[in-house]
Structure formats: C-alpha cells, structure tokens
Protein backbone atom coordinates (compact mmCIF):
# COMPACT_ATOMS: atom_id res chain seq x y z
CA UNK A 1 16.71 -94.77 -31.64
CA UNK A 2 16.15 -94.16 -27.95
CA UNK A 3 18.47 -95.46 -25.23
CA UNK A 4 16.21 -98.41 -24.31
CA UNK A 5 16.14 -99.68 -27.90
CA UNK A 6 19.91 -99.29 -28.19
CA UNK A 7 20.44 -101.40 -25.05
CA UNK A 8 18.07 -104.10 -26.37
CA UNK A 9 19.81 -104.10 -29.74
CA UNK A 10 23.22 -104.43 -28.07
CA UNK A 11 22.00 -107.35 -25.90
CA UNK A 12 20.48 -109.07 -28.93
CA UNK A 13 23.69 -108.65 -30.91
CA UNK A 14 25.72 -110.09 -28.01
CA UNK A 15 23.42 -113.15 -27.85
CA UNK A 16 23.65 -113.67 -31.62
CA UNK A 17 27.45 -113.38 -31.49
CA UNK A 18 27.69 -115.84 -28.59
CA UNK A 19 25.35 -118.30 -30.35
CA UNK A 20 27.28 -118.01 -33.63
CA UNK A 21 30.59 -118.59 -31.83
CA UNK A 22 29.16 -121.67 -30.07
CA UNK A 23 27.87 -123.13 -33.35
CA UNK A 24 31.20 -122.53 -35.12
CA UNK A 25 33.14 -124.09 -32.23
CA UNK A 26 30.82 -127.13 -32.21
CA UNK A 27 31.23 -127.61 -35.96
CA UNK A 28 35.00 -127.26 -35.79
CA UNK A 29 35.26 -129.83 -33.00
CA UNK A 30 33.05 -132.31 -34.83
CA UNK A 31 34.89 -131.86 -38.13
CA UNK A 32 38.28 -132.32 -36.45
CA UNK A 33 37.10 -135.44 -34.60
CA UNK A 34 35.45 -136.87 -37.71
CA UNK A 35 38.83 -136.63 -39.46
CA UNK A 36 40.73 -138.41 -36.66
CA UNK A 37 43.15 -141.01 -38.04
CA UNK A 38 43.11 -144.55 -36.64
CA UNK A 39 45.78 -147.22 -36.93
CA UNK A 40 44.48 -150.18 -38.95
CA UNK A 41 45.33 -153.84 -38.72
CA UNK A 42 44.20 -156.93 -40.61
CA UNK A 43 43.28 -159.48 -37.93
CA UNK A 44 42.26 -163.13 -38.24
CA UNK A 45 39.02 -163.70 -36.33
CA UNK A 46 37.81 -167.30 -36.51
CA UNK A 47 39.43 -167.88 -39.90
CA UNK A 48 38.26 -164.63 -41.52
CA UNK A 49 40.44 -161.57 -42.06
CA UNK A 50 38.97 -158.33 -40.70
CA UNK A 51 40.25 -154.80 -41.34
CA UNK A 52 40.06 -153.27 -37.86
CA UNK A 53 40.68 -149.70 -36.79
CA UNK A 54 42.35 -149.61 -33.39
CA UNK A 55 40.99 -147.29 -30.69
CA UNK A 56 43.66 -147.47 -27.98
CA UNK A 57 43.73 -143.88 -26.72
CA UNK A 58 40.98 -141.96 -24.90
CA UNK A 59 40.61 -139.60 -27.88
CA UNK A 60 40.16 -142.48 -30.33
CA UNK A 61 37.83 -144.28 -27.93
CA UNK A 62 35.62 -141.19 -27.56
CA UNK A 63 35.39 -140.83 -31.34
CA UNK A 64 34.80 -144.49 -32.17
CA UNK A 65 32.68 -144.96 -35.28
CA UNK A 66 30.76 -141.69 -34.89
CA UNK A 67 29.58 -140.02 -38.09
CA UNK A 68 30.36 -143.05 -40.29
CA UNK A 69 27.75 -143.68 -42.95
CA UNK A 70 28.74 -147.29 -43.63
CA UNK A 71 30.96 -150.15 -42.53
CA UNK A 72 32.10 -153.08 -44.65
CA UNK A 73 31.15 -156.63 -43.69
CA UNK A 74 34.81 -157.41 -42.89
CA UNK A 75 35.57 -154.09 -41.18
CA UNK A 76 35.26 -152.86 -37.64
CA UNK A 77 36.85 -151.16 -34.67
CA UNK A 78 38.71 -152.66 -31.73
CA UNK A 79 38.71 -150.72 -28.46
CA UNK A 80 41.74 -151.69 -26.36
CA UNK A 81 41.95 -150.88 -22.64
CA UNK A 82 44.83 -151.32 -20.20
CA UNK A 83 42.90 -153.68 -17.95
CA UNK A 84 39.55 -155.31 -17.45
CA UNK A 85 36.70 -153.09 -16.31
CA UNK A 86 33.06 -152.32 -16.91
CA UNK A 87 33.24 -150.86 -20.41
CA UNK A 88 30.26 -148.76 -21.41
CA UNK A 89 29.44 -148.04 -25.03
CA UNK A 90 26.95 -145.55 -26.40
CA UNK A 91 25.82 -144.90 -29.93
CA UNK A 92 25.68 -141.09 -29.85
CA UNK A 93 26.19 -139.69 -33.35
CA UNK A 94 26.67 -143.20 -34.67
CA UNK A 95 24.76 -143.42 -37.93
CA UNK A 96 24.88 -147.19 -38.47
CA UNK A 97 23.84 -150.22 -36.37
CA UNK A 98 26.71 -152.27 -34.97
CA UNK A 99 27.31 -155.75 -33.61
CA UNK A 100 29.25 -155.15 -30.39
CA UNK A 101 31.26 -157.78 -28.54
CA UNK A 102 32.84 -157.36 -25.11
CA UNK A 103 35.91 -159.56 -24.46
CA UNK A 104 37.87 -160.30 -21.29
CA UNK A 105 41.66 -160.11 -20.85
CA UNK A 106 42.08 -163.56 -22.42
CA UNK A 107 40.12 -162.38 -25.52
CA UNK A 108 37.05 -164.50 -24.72
CA UNK A 109 33.67 -162.98 -25.63
CA UNK A 110 31.76 -162.29 -22.41
CA UNK A 111 28.77 -160.41 -23.86
CA UNK A 112 27.37 -159.35 -27.23
CA UNK A 113 24.60 -157.10 -28.45
CA UNK A 114 23.40 -155.36 -31.62
CA UNK A 115 23.20 -151.63 -30.98
CA UNK A 116 21.14 -149.15 -32.95
CA UNK A 117 22.14 -145.57 -33.92
CA UNK A 118 21.29 -142.75 -31.54
CA UNK A 119 20.85 -139.18 -32.71
CA UNK A 120 19.01 -137.83 -29.66
CA UNK A 121 20.57 -135.65 -26.95
CA UNK A 122 20.36 -138.50 -24.40
CA UNK A 123 21.64 -141.86 -25.61
CA UNK A 124 21.70 -144.97 -23.44
CA UNK A 125 24.99 -146.49 -22.31
CA UNK A 126 25.29 -150.25 -22.87
CA UNK A 127 27.47 -151.87 -20.23
CA UNK A 128 27.55 -155.56 -19.40
CA UNK A 129 28.05 -156.69 -15.81
CA UNK A 130 31.06 -158.81 -16.79
CA UNK A 131 34.39 -156.90 -16.96
CA UNK A 132 36.01 -156.52 -20.38
CA UNK A 133 39.41 -155.43 -21.67
CA UNK A 134 38.42 -155.25 -25.33
CA UNK A 135 35.31 -154.09 -27.17
CA UNK A 136 34.91 -155.12 -30.79
CA UNK A 137 32.44 -153.36 -33.11
CA UNK A 138 31.59 -155.08 -36.39
CA UNK A 139 29.01 -155.00 -39.17
CA UNK A 140 25.68 -156.25 -37.76
CA UNK A 141 25.70 -159.19 -40.21
CA UNK A 142 28.62 -160.60 -38.17
CA UNK A 143 26.55 -160.91 -34.97
CA UNK A 144 25.70 -164.61 -35.38
CA UNK A 145 29.28 -165.55 -36.38
CA UNK A 146 30.65 -164.85 -32.89
CA UNK A 147 29.21 -166.19 -29.63
CA UNK A 148 29.68 -165.69 -25.91
CA UNK A 149 32.53 -168.01 -24.90
CA UNK A 150 34.35 -167.79 -28.26
CA UNK A 151 38.04 -166.93 -27.97
CA UNK A 152 39.61 -164.47 -30.43
CA UNK A 153 43.36 -164.85 -29.72
CA UNK A 154 44.36 -162.50 -32.56
CA UNK A 155 43.23 -159.60 -30.36
CA UNK A 156 45.81 -160.38 -27.67
CA UNK A 157 48.45 -158.67 -29.83
CA UNK A 158 46.86 -155.37 -28.84
CA UNK A 159 46.94 -155.76 -25.08
CA UNK A 160 48.19 -152.47 -23.62
CA UNK A 161 51.13 -152.74 -21.25
C-alpha cells in the first residue's frame, strides 16, 4: 500500500471511530434519560383520581414523556415551575399524542391543546401567550373533560417555593 492510500485509510478509520463514538454516546444518553425515575402522586382532578408523574426539576422537565409508547386514561405528567412564565412544550421524541393544559399560579387552566408526536429533527414549540406555572399532560381522551377557566386546586400542593 502506498503512502497516499495509507493516509486515506487512516483518515477513514478516524471518521468511522468518531462516528461510532458519537452513536454510542447518543444511545447511552437516550437510554439513561429514558430510565429516569419520576415521583408519582395520585391527584384528584375534578372528582377523578389521576396518577401523575411530577416533573419539577430541569432534568425531569427536559425528559417529560419522551419515548413512552402509551399512557393510561387516568395517567399523566405535571410540570411544576417556580413561577409563572411563558412555558413552551415540544413533542420531540414523544411517541404518543397528548392533551396539554397550561395553568396559572392559582391552578386555573389558561390554555389547552392536543399535541401530536414529533419524530423529525425540527419540532415546533407550543407556547401560549398567557403565563403558566404548571403544565399538565394527559391522555388525549381527557381533552374535553377540562376547559379554559377550570380550576384544579389539587395541583397547588406542588407549587415550588
């Protein structure tokens, strides 16, 4: 093998090694995030008990319901923030549609929307104009059971101090 071919082979091997390392790192990060543990609470929402996972840290909020293949009709996730703000949600790597409700500091629903899964590199961010302190994600069949203006006082237990 002449010197030119050796240099090309070395460069190709370096690219393959770098690519392989990147893929392994990506897979390890996704596997570790997919296995992230959430605190769970049974919460009364309008007379029905819901099993909610609580996302009250940035790590839990980034993970959300990514990579889940299903959600029960009485299950969901509650995102808790320290104050009201414009809370954006995206559906990147979320495999299931969700009914999403944004609530203010008094736990009143200020906006709601059904969001669809997104598996593309660029996913839209859904962000209502009205500030919210909580974001509640539920099974899409729950969408019509909760309306803008409804108060969900059971969520006030999770207000961050």
